[in-house]
Amino acid sequence: MDILSTIKSKSTVLNELMVVFGGVLLLFAVSQVEIPLKPVPINLLTVGVMLIGLTYTPRRALESHLVWIGLAAAGFPVLAGFSGGLDRLVGPTGGYILGCATSAVLMSVLKEKFSLNSWISDVLLCGLGTIIVFILGVAWLSQLVGFTNALMHGLVPFILPGIVKAGLLCTALQILRHYKRG
């Protein structure tokens, strides 16, 4: 292997690591912007998840989420309210965290497979991703507080904010794509 190939290979690996690290930083940062409701806070995490789902490859989306969840499991304060630890991953927000990872990966798979780049496709992908987060989150939460309480405290307060966040994100992405094209 010549020196140029080695440099290019190392550069590619570094770029890929930076993408994953950027995803972890994004997930950490958006988790901290919150309205502290109980048992599940409203925060911007789903915006970060949707952004990753719409812009990352499936592999990088998965890696970013796994590193973020791994850091949380190890006790690093990367979750909402600068918290971390296994208790947070198995507590009321555990299903939502799992839903975030699942949603981002599925969104990126669908976006890549079908070459989706329109505002409508972004909105539909964000809708699907949000539904996945809610299904896994409410299912998990219902095991702790009952199904009715899970719906009332883990879904209903998040519907309108979720719609607004998805609409704003998709609009911002379309604006950026328009300026990027020239």
Protein backbone atom coordinates (compact mmCIF):
# COMPACT_ATOMS: atom_id res chain seq x y z
CA MET A 1 0.00 0.00 0.00
CA ASP A 2 1.49 3.32 -0.98
CA ILE A 3 1.68 6.33 1.34
CA LEU A 4 -1.13 8.21 -0.45
CA SER A 5 -3.55 5.30 0.00
CA THR A 6 -2.59 5.03 3.66
CA ILE A 7 -3.20 8.74 4.24
CA LYS A 8 -6.52 8.62 2.39
CA SER A 9 -7.58 5.53 4.36
CA LYS A 10 -6.71 7.16 7.70
CA SER A 11 -8.48 10.33 6.62
CA THR A 12 -11.65 8.37 5.80
CA VAL A 13 -11.59 6.59 9.16
CA LEU A 14 -11.06 9.90 10.95
CA ASN A 15 -13.96 11.46 9.03
CA GLU A 16 -16.22 8.56 9.94
CA LEU A 17 -15.23 8.81 13.61
CA MET A 18 -15.92 12.54 13.54
CA VAL A 19 -19.40 11.92 12.09
CA VAL A 20 -20.18 9.46 14.89
CA PHE A 21 -18.70 11.80 17.51
CA GLY A 22 -20.75 14.65 16.03
CA GLY A 23 -23.89 12.54 16.36
CA VAL A 24 -23.10 11.76 19.99
CA LEU A 25 -22.48 15.45 20.72
CA LEU A 26 -25.73 16.37 18.99
CA LEU A 27 -27.71 13.81 21.01
CA PHE A 28 -26.09 15.04 24.22
CA ALA A 29 -26.74 18.72 23.45
CA VAL A 30 -30.37 18.38 22.37
CA SER A 31 -31.12 16.20 25.41
CA GLN A 32 -30.26 19.12 27.67
CA VAL A 33 -32.82 21.55 26.19
CA GLU A 34 -35.88 20.45 28.13
CA ILE A 35 -39.14 21.17 29.87
CA PRO A 36 -38.86 18.95 32.97
CA LEU A 37 -42.21 17.11 32.96
CA LYS A 38 -42.62 13.89 34.91
CA PRO A 39 -42.25 11.01 34.24
CA VAL A 40 -40.86 11.92 30.78
CA PRO A 41 -39.43 15.40 30.01
CA ILE A 42 -40.11 17.25 26.77
CA ASN A 43 -36.78 18.00 25.12
CA LEU A 44 -35.22 18.43 21.72
CA LEU A 45 -33.87 14.87 21.61
CA THR A 46 -36.30 13.86 18.89
CA VAL A 47 -35.05 16.75 16.74
CA GLY A 48 -31.51 15.37 17.00
CA VAL A 49 -32.75 11.86 16.32
CA MET A 50 -34.68 13.00 13.24
CA LEU A 51 -31.72 15.04 12.00
CA ILE A 52 -29.46 12.01 12.30
CA GLY A 53 -32.09 9.81 10.66
CA LEU A 54 -32.41 12.20 7.73
CA THR A 55 -28.70 12.90 7.19
CA TYR A 56 -26.63 9.93 8.40
CA THR A 57 -26.04 6.55 6.86
CA PRO A 58 -27.77 3.73 8.75
CA ARG A 59 -24.44 2.52 10.13
CA ARG A 60 -23.36 5.95 11.41
CA ALA A 61 -26.82 6.56 12.88
CA LEU A 62 -26.61 3.26 14.77
CA GLU A 63 -23.03 3.87 15.91
CA SER A 64 -23.87 7.36 17.18
CA HIS A 65 -26.80 6.08 19.19
CA LEU A 66 -24.92 3.06 20.56
CA VAL A 67 -22.03 5.23 21.74
CA TRP A 68 -24.46 7.72 23.32
CA ILE A 69 -26.40 4.93 25.07
CA GLY A 70 -23.14 3.25 26.11
CA LEU A 71 -21.90 6.48 27.66
CA ALA A 72 -25.22 6.84 29.49
CA ALA A 73 -25.02 3.24 30.73
CA ALA A 74 -21.51 3.90 32.03
CA GLY A 75 -22.87 6.82 34.04
CA PHE A 76 -21.75 9.72 31.89
CA PRO A 77 -24.24 12.62 32.13
CA VAL A 78 -25.35 12.55 28.48
CA LEU A 79 -29.10 12.15 28.99
CA ALA A 80 -31.70 14.81 29.81
CA GLY A 81 -30.85 16.90 32.85
CA PHE A 82 -27.17 15.91 32.60
CA SER A 83 -28.03 12.45 33.88
CA GLY A 84 -26.80 8.99 33.10
CA GLY A 85 -26.62 5.51 34.55
CA LEU A 86 -28.36 2.20 34.04
CA ASP A 87 -31.28 3.33 36.20
CA ARG A 88 -32.12 5.99 33.58
CA LEU A 89 -31.98 3.42 30.78
CA VAL A 90 -34.39 1.06 32.55
CA GLY A 91 -36.56 3.81 34.08
CA PRO A 92 -39.51 5.66 32.52
CA THR A 93 -37.47 7.03 29.60
CA GLY A 94 -35.85 3.70 28.65
CA GLY A 95 -38.31 2.85 25.89
CA TYR A 96 -38.02 6.31 24.39
CA ILE A 97 -34.23 6.02 24.29
CA LEU A 98 -34.49 2.64 22.56
CA GLY A 99 -37.11 4.15 20.25
CA CYS A 100 -34.76 6.99 19.33
CA ALA A 101 -32.03 4.60 18.20
CA THR A 102 -34.49 2.38 16.31
CA SER A 103 -36.16 5.35 14.68
CA ALA A 104 -32.97 7.03 13.47
CA VAL A 105 -31.65 3.83 11.94
CA LEU A 106 -34.94 2.98 10.22
CA MET A 107 -35.33 6.53 8.89
CA SER A 108 -31.81 6.48 7.44
CA VAL A 109 -32.35 3.04 5.90
CA LEU A 110 -35.54 4.17 4.17
CA LYS A 111 -34.04 7.49 3.07
CA GLU A 112 -31.02 5.72 1.58
CA LYS A 113 -32.94 2.84 -0.01
CA PHE A 114 -35.50 5.06 -1.74
CA SER A 115 -33.28 8.16 -2.33
CA LEU A 116 -35.74 10.41 -0.53
CA ASN A 117 -34.87 14.12 -0.44
CA SER A 118 -38.09 16.11 -0.64
CA TRP A 119 -39.77 18.05 2.14
CA ILE A 120 -42.75 15.67 1.99
CA SER A 121 -40.55 12.57 2.27
CA ASP A 122 -38.66 14.15 5.18
CA VAL A 123 -41.94 14.92 6.97
CA LEU A 124 -43.20 11.38 6.38
CA LEU A 125 -39.93 9.89 7.63
CA CYS A 126 -40.04 12.14 10.70
CA GLY A 127 -43.64 11.07 11.29
CA LEU A 128 -42.67 7.42 11.07
CA GLY A 129 -39.66 7.97 13.31
CA THR A 130 -41.78 9.78 15.89
CA ILE A 131 -44.37 7.00 15.85
CA ILE A 132 -41.63 4.44 16.51
CA VAL A 133 -40.32 6.48 19.44
CA PHE A 134 -43.85 6.76 20.88
CA ILE A 135 -44.71 3.08 20.39
CA LEU A 136 -41.56 1.86 22.14
CA GLY A 137 -41.66 4.63 24.74
CA VAL A 138 -45.31 4.19 25.69
CA ALA A 139 -45.02 0.39 25.66
CA TRP A 140 -42.09 0.57 28.08
CA LEU A 141 -43.64 3.28 30.25
CA SER A 142 -46.93 1.37 30.48
CA GLN A 143 -45.07 -1.45 32.22
CA LEU A 144 -44.15 1.02 34.95
CA VAL A 145 -47.25 3.23 35.27
CA GLY A 146 -50.04 1.44 33.38
CA PHE A 147 -51.26 1.96 29.82
CA THR A 148 -53.68 4.83 30.47
CA ASN A 149 -51.12 6.79 32.49
CA ALA A 150 -48.47 6.08 29.86
CA LEU A 151 -50.72 7.54 27.17
CA MET A 152 -51.67 10.57 29.27
CA HIS A 153 -48.12 11.36 30.45
CA GLY A 154 -45.93 9.78 27.79
CA LEU A 155 -47.78 10.55 24.56
CA VAL A 156 -50.47 13.24 24.72
CA PRO A 157 -48.21 16.12 25.90
CA PHE A 158 -45.71 15.30 23.13
CA ILE A 159 -47.97 15.20 20.07
CA LEU A 160 -48.18 18.93 19.26
CA PRO A 161 -44.52 19.67 20.14
CA GLY A 162 -43.51 16.68 17.99
CA ILE A 163 -45.42 17.98 14.98
CA VAL A 164 -43.93 21.47 15.36
CA LYS A 165 -40.37 20.14 15.81
CA ALA A 166 -40.64 17.87 12.76
CA GLY A 167 -42.08 20.63 10.57
CA LEU A 168 -39.39 23.12 11.57
CA LEU A 169 -36.59 20.59 11.10
CA CYS A 170 -37.80 19.49 7.66
CA THR A 171 -38.22 23.10 6.54
CA ALA A 172 -34.73 24.01 7.77
CA LEU A 173 -33.23 20.99 5.98
CA GLN A 174 -34.93 21.95 2.72
CA ILE A 175 -33.62 25.51 3.02
CA LEU A 176 -30.09 24.19 3.62
CA ARG A 177 -30.36 21.80 0.67
CA HIS A 178 -31.58 24.64 -1.55
CA TYR A 179 -28.61 26.85 -0.63
CA LYS A 180 -26.20 23.92 -0.94
CA ARG A 181 -27.38 23.29 -4.52
CA GLY A 182 -26.64 26.87 -5.37
